[in-house]
Protein backbone atom coordinates (compact mmCIF):
# COMPACT_ATOMS: atom_id res chain seq x y z
CA MET A 1 180.17 157.44 49.00
CA ALA A 2 176.39 157.15 48.93
CA ASN A 3 174.42 159.06 51.54
CA PRO A 4 173.51 156.88 54.55
CA LEU A 5 169.82 156.26 55.24
CA ARG A 6 168.18 157.32 58.48
CA ARG A 7 164.80 156.19 59.74
CA MET A 8 162.43 158.93 60.84
CA VAL A 9 160.28 158.04 63.84
CA SER A 10 157.22 159.86 65.14
CA SER A 11 155.46 159.13 68.44
CA SER A 12 152.88 157.01 66.67
CA GLN A 13 154.75 155.08 64.00
CA VAL A 14 157.97 154.52 62.07
CA THR A 15 157.75 156.33 58.75
CA ASP A 16 160.22 155.83 55.85
CA TRP A 17 163.91 155.74 55.12
CA PHE A 18 165.46 158.99 53.82
CA PRO A 19 168.97 159.96 52.72
CA ALA A 20 170.74 161.91 55.45
CA ASN A 21 170.95 165.05 53.33
CA ARG A 22 167.15 165.16 52.95
CA LEU A 23 166.30 165.35 56.64
CA ALA A 24 165.33 169.01 56.35
CA THR A 25 162.75 168.24 53.68
CA ILE A 26 160.96 165.23 55.13
CA PRO A 27 157.25 164.97 54.32
CA SER A 28 154.93 166.81 56.68
CA ARG A 29 153.28 163.56 57.77
CA SER A 30 156.46 162.72 59.67
CA GLN A 31 155.99 165.89 61.76
CA ILE A 32 152.51 165.04 63.02
CA VAL A 33 152.11 163.63 66.52
CA ASN A 34 148.83 162.17 67.77
CA VAL A 35 148.08 163.58 71.23
CA GLU A 36 145.59 162.06 73.65
CA TYR A 37 144.05 164.65 75.94
CA LEU A 38 141.76 165.17 78.90
CA VAL A 39 140.53 168.76 79.16
CA ILE A 40 138.41 169.63 82.21
CA ALA A 41 137.17 173.11 83.03
CA GLY A 42 136.77 174.68 86.45
CA GLY A 43 133.69 173.64 88.41
CA GLY A 44 130.97 176.11 89.33
CA GLY A 45 130.70 177.42 92.89
CA GLY A 46 127.93 176.32 95.23
CA ALA A 47 125.40 178.93 96.36
CA GLY A 48 124.52 180.09 99.86
CA ASN A 49 121.07 180.33 101.47
CA ARG A 50 119.65 176.87 100.65
CA GLY A 51 121.85 176.97 97.59
CA GLY A 52 122.17 174.57 94.72
CA GLY A 53 125.42 172.70 94.16
CA GLY A 54 127.78 173.91 91.45
CA GLY A 55 128.06 171.99 88.20
CA ALA A 56 131.23 170.18 87.23
CA GLY A 57 133.48 171.71 84.61
CA GLY A 58 133.15 170.52 81.03
CA TYR A 59 134.86 167.16 80.43
CA ARG A 60 136.43 166.27 77.08
CA CYS A 61 138.52 163.11 76.66
CA SER A 62 140.18 161.46 73.66
CA VAL A 63 141.74 158.42 75.39
CA PRO A 64 140.69 155.31 73.42
CA GLY A 65 138.31 153.07 75.34
CA GLU A 66 137.33 155.79 77.82
CA SER A 67 134.26 158.01 77.91
CA SER A 68 134.07 161.69 77.21
CA GLY A 69 131.52 163.93 78.92
CA ALA A 70 127.92 162.76 79.34
CA ASN A 71 129.14 159.19 78.72
CA SER A 72 129.78 159.90 75.05
CA SER A 73 132.46 158.09 73.06
CA ALA A 74 136.05 159.27 73.27
CA GLU A 75 136.78 162.18 70.94
CA SER A 76 139.36 162.08 68.16
CA VAL A 77 142.98 162.56 69.17
CA PHE A 78 144.53 165.93 68.49
CA GLN A 79 147.09 165.99 65.68
CA ALA A 80 149.87 168.28 66.78
CA THR A 81 152.58 169.59 64.47
CA LEU A 82 156.11 169.38 65.84
CA GLY A 83 157.61 172.80 66.49
CA THR A 84 154.22 174.49 66.87
CA THR A 85 153.22 176.23 70.10
CA TYR A 86 149.72 175.51 71.40
CA THR A 87 147.72 177.40 74.00
CA VAL A 88 146.99 175.61 77.29
CA THR A 89 144.67 177.30 79.79
CA VAL A 90 143.59 175.68 83.06
CA GLY A 91 140.25 177.10 84.15
CA ALA A 92 139.83 178.05 87.79
CA GLY A 93 136.90 176.91 89.89
CA GLY A 94 134.12 179.36 90.64
CA ALA A 95 133.90 180.91 94.11
CA GLY A 96 131.26 179.73 96.56
CA GLY A 97 128.38 182.03 97.42
CA ASN A 98 127.91 183.40 100.91
CA THR A 99 124.21 184.26 100.94
CA GLY A 100 123.94 184.55 97.15
CA ASN A 101 124.69 182.64 93.98
CA GLY A 102 127.95 180.85 93.40
CA SER A 103 130.24 181.86 90.53
CA VAL A 104 130.65 180.19 87.15
CA GLY A 105 133.80 178.14 86.60
CA ALA A 106 136.33 179.23 83.98
CA ASP A 107 136.90 177.48 80.66
CA SER A 108 139.90 175.25 80.04
CA VAL A 109 141.59 175.22 76.63
CA PHE A 110 144.09 173.00 74.83
CA ALA A 111 144.79 174.21 71.29
CA THR A 112 141.39 174.02 69.54
CA ILE A 113 139.69 172.00 72.31
CA THR A 114 137.65 174.03 74.81
CA SER A 115 135.79 172.74 77.86
CA SER A 116 133.16 175.07 79.32
CA GLY A 117 133.24 176.16 82.95
CA GLY A 118 130.66 174.60 85.28
CA GLY A 119 127.39 176.38 85.98
CA ARG A 120 126.96 178.17 89.29
CA GLY A 121 124.59 176.99 91.99
CA GLY A 122 121.48 179.14 92.46
CA THR A 123 120.56 180.73 95.77
CA THR A 124 117.03 180.66 97.20
CA GLY A 125 114.49 181.71 94.59
CA THR A 126 117.03 181.44 91.75
CA ALA A 127 117.45 178.80 89.05
CA GLY A 128 120.79 177.07 88.62
CA GLY A 129 123.23 178.46 86.07
CA ASN A 130 124.05 176.85 82.73
CA GLY A 131 127.58 175.77 81.99
CA GLY A 132 129.84 172.78 81.43
CA SER A 133 127.53 170.97 83.83
CA GLY A 134 124.46 172.80 85.07
CA GLY A 135 124.28 174.11 88.63
CA GLY A 136 121.47 173.16 91.00
CA GLY A 137 118.44 175.39 91.61
CA GLY A 138 118.03 177.22 94.92
CA GLY A 139 115.62 175.95 97.57
CA GLN A 140 112.82 177.93 99.22
CA ASP A 141 110.02 177.27 101.70
CA SER A 142 107.22 176.93 99.18
CA GLY A 143 106.23 177.48 95.56
CA ALA A 144 107.38 175.87 92.36
CA ALA A 145 110.77 174.17 92.26
CA LEU A 146 113.57 176.25 90.76
CA ALA A 147 115.10 174.61 87.69
CA GLY A 148 118.64 173.34 87.52
CA GLY A 149 121.03 174.64 84.88
CA VAL A 150 121.63 172.92 81.56
CA GLY A 151 124.95 171.29 80.69
CA THR A 152 126.89 172.19 77.54
CA GLY A 153 126.29 169.75 74.68
CA SER A 154 128.00 166.41 75.22
CA GLN A 155 130.52 167.77 77.75
CA VAL A 156 128.56 166.98 80.92
CA LYS A 157 125.11 166.65 82.51
CA ASP A 158 122.38 168.91 83.91
CA GLY A 159 121.81 170.29 87.39
CA ALA A 160 118.73 169.35 89.42
CA ALA A 161 115.76 171.45 90.42
CA SER A 162 115.31 172.45 94.05
CA TYR A 163 112.97 170.79 96.53
CA ASN A 164 110.60 173.30 98.13
CA ALA A 165 108.45 172.50 101.14
CA LEU A 166 107.64 174.28 104.39
CA LEU A 167 110.93 174.74 106.26
CA ASP A 168 112.52 172.13 104.02
CA GLY A 169 114.02 174.14 101.19
CA VAL A 170 116.87 172.14 99.63
CA GLY A 171 119.00 173.25 96.71
CA GLY A 172 119.37 170.88 93.77
CA GLY A 173 122.50 168.86 93.14
CA GLY A 174 124.91 170.08 90.46
CA GLY A 175 125.42 168.04 87.31
CA GLY A 176 128.47 165.84 86.92
CA ALA A 177 130.47 164.55 83.97
CA SER A 178 128.43 161.32 83.76
CA ALA A 179 125.17 161.92 85.65
CA ASN A 180 122.61 164.63 86.30
CA GLY A 181 122.35 166.19 89.73
CA VAL A 182 119.70 164.76 92.05
CA GLN A 183 116.53 166.58 93.06
CA ALA A 184 115.82 166.07 96.75
CA THR A 185 112.61 164.75 98.27
CA ALA A 186 111.65 164.24 101.90
CA THR A 187 113.69 161.01 101.82
CA VAL A 188 116.25 161.59 99.03
CA THR A 189 119.25 163.89 99.34
CA ALA A 190 120.25 166.36 96.61
CA ASP A 191 123.50 164.68 95.65
CA GLY A 192 125.78 165.95 92.94
CA GLY A 193 126.06 163.99 89.71
CA ALA A 194 128.89 161.47 89.41
CA GLY A 195 132.02 162.22 87.42
CA LEU A 196 134.07 160.00 85.11
CA SER A 197 137.31 158.08 85.56
CA SER A 198 140.34 158.30 83.29
CA SER A 199 143.73 156.59 83.32
CA ILE A 200 145.44 159.23 81.20
CA THR A 201 148.03 159.77 83.97
CA GLY A 202 148.71 156.03 84.32
CA SER A 203 146.19 155.15 87.02
CA SER A 204 142.42 155.51 87.16
CA VAL A 205 141.27 158.79 88.73
CA ALA A 206 137.68 160.05 89.01
CA ARG A 207 137.11 163.67 88.03
CA GLY A 208 134.22 166.01 87.29
CA GLY A 209 131.73 165.37 90.11
CA GLY A 210 128.85 167.79 90.75
CA GLY A 211 128.31 169.62 94.03
CA GLY A 212 125.65 168.57 96.55
CA GLY A 213 122.70 170.82 97.36
CA GLY A 214 122.58 172.88 100.54
CA ILE A 215 119.77 172.72 103.07
CA ASP A 216 117.86 175.02 105.39
CA LYS A 217 119.35 174.68 108.89
CA ARG A 218 115.80 174.44 110.28
CA ALA A 219 114.92 171.54 107.98
CA TYR A 220 113.81 168.14 109.13
CA GLY A 221 113.42 164.91 107.20
CA ALA A 222 116.18 165.73 104.73
CA ASN A 223 119.95 166.17 104.71
CA ALA A 224 122.35 168.20 102.62
CA GLY A 225 123.49 166.49 99.44
CA SER A 226 126.77 164.66 99.02
CA GLY A 227 129.26 165.64 96.34
CA GLY A 228 129.40 163.51 93.22
CA THR A 229 132.28 161.06 92.80
CA GLY A 230 135.19 162.92 91.25
CA GLY A 231 135.75 165.99 93.40
CA GLY A 232 132.24 167.34 93.92
CA GLY A 233 131.84 169.32 97.15
CA SER A 234 129.19 168.24 99.65
CA GLY A 235 126.35 170.56 100.64
CA SER A 236 126.52 172.09 104.09
CA ASN A 237 125.69 175.29 105.99
CA VAL A 238 128.49 177.23 104.30
CA GLY A 239 128.96 177.97 100.60
CA GLY A 240 131.44 175.67 98.91
CA ALA A 241 133.87 176.89 96.26
CA GLY A 242 134.17 175.14 92.93
CA SER A 243 137.24 173.00 92.36
CA ALA A 244 139.81 174.12 89.80
CA ALA A 245 140.36 171.97 86.72
CA SER A 246 143.73 170.36 87.45
CA ALA A 247 145.18 167.06 88.59
CA ALA A 248 144.85 168.05 92.25
CA ALA A 249 141.45 169.77 92.01
CA VAL A 250 139.55 167.87 89.41
CA GLY A 251 136.88 170.17 88.02
CA GLY A 252 134.21 169.26 90.57
CA GLY A 253 131.41 171.63 91.51
CA GLY A 254 131.18 173.25 94.94
CA GLY A 255 128.57 172.25 97.52
CA GLY A 256 125.55 174.44 98.29
CA ALA A 257 124.79 175.92 101.69
CA PHE A 258 122.27 177.55 104.00
CA GLY A 259 124.45 180.58 104.57
CA GLY A 260 127.73 181.63 106.12
CA THR A 261 131.21 182.01 104.72
CA PRO A 262 132.50 180.16 101.63
CA SER A 263 134.80 177.26 102.51
């Protein structure tokens, strides 16, 4: 009796017909599975003492028709080999500063795809940290504005510089996945940069917002910045902690603060 034929099916396509006794020697192309991914790193922590907002964690997406970080085109899907174990690391969010700088977010990794942790917010007199998205610069009463941190490549955007005026020191907003953080003025708040939306889980969810800048409690004519859409923490009078890169805490940066205890 001739060997029966069986059809080999991968997740992406039907391949060929093979005799049953050749199933152990099927071509390698039948063992490749195309995997769509969304890899978001931990957001940076917001700083205390007129602190800048933390930057969002790096954002890398391969879902067709969606945007990857910094509004770039979706990346190529990952070709996984059946039976192979791949590393998955979910980066934690950076801690919020009390009266000092925030902490950098941790990287997230899926196989060969790495997203960089968000930059920390800078405290008064300190520039924002570089990272996935850059953190905002720290505010002070006078002098030159402190620069925001720089985002990593095409993963996300930059943090904003601080706004420095007598008794009106405001930290810069942290960068988000799709927009730079905002530099405050006497009439503009230091909002965090907006994140991006993805439907990789079946419904559209915004992730990767930057943290808002904190403000001097004595200030007038300006308010603390709002967090960017997608999990960015709002600025306040306490240091905000960066969000972890996960479905529940979506890689947003923490809000800056005047001082106090991290929230």
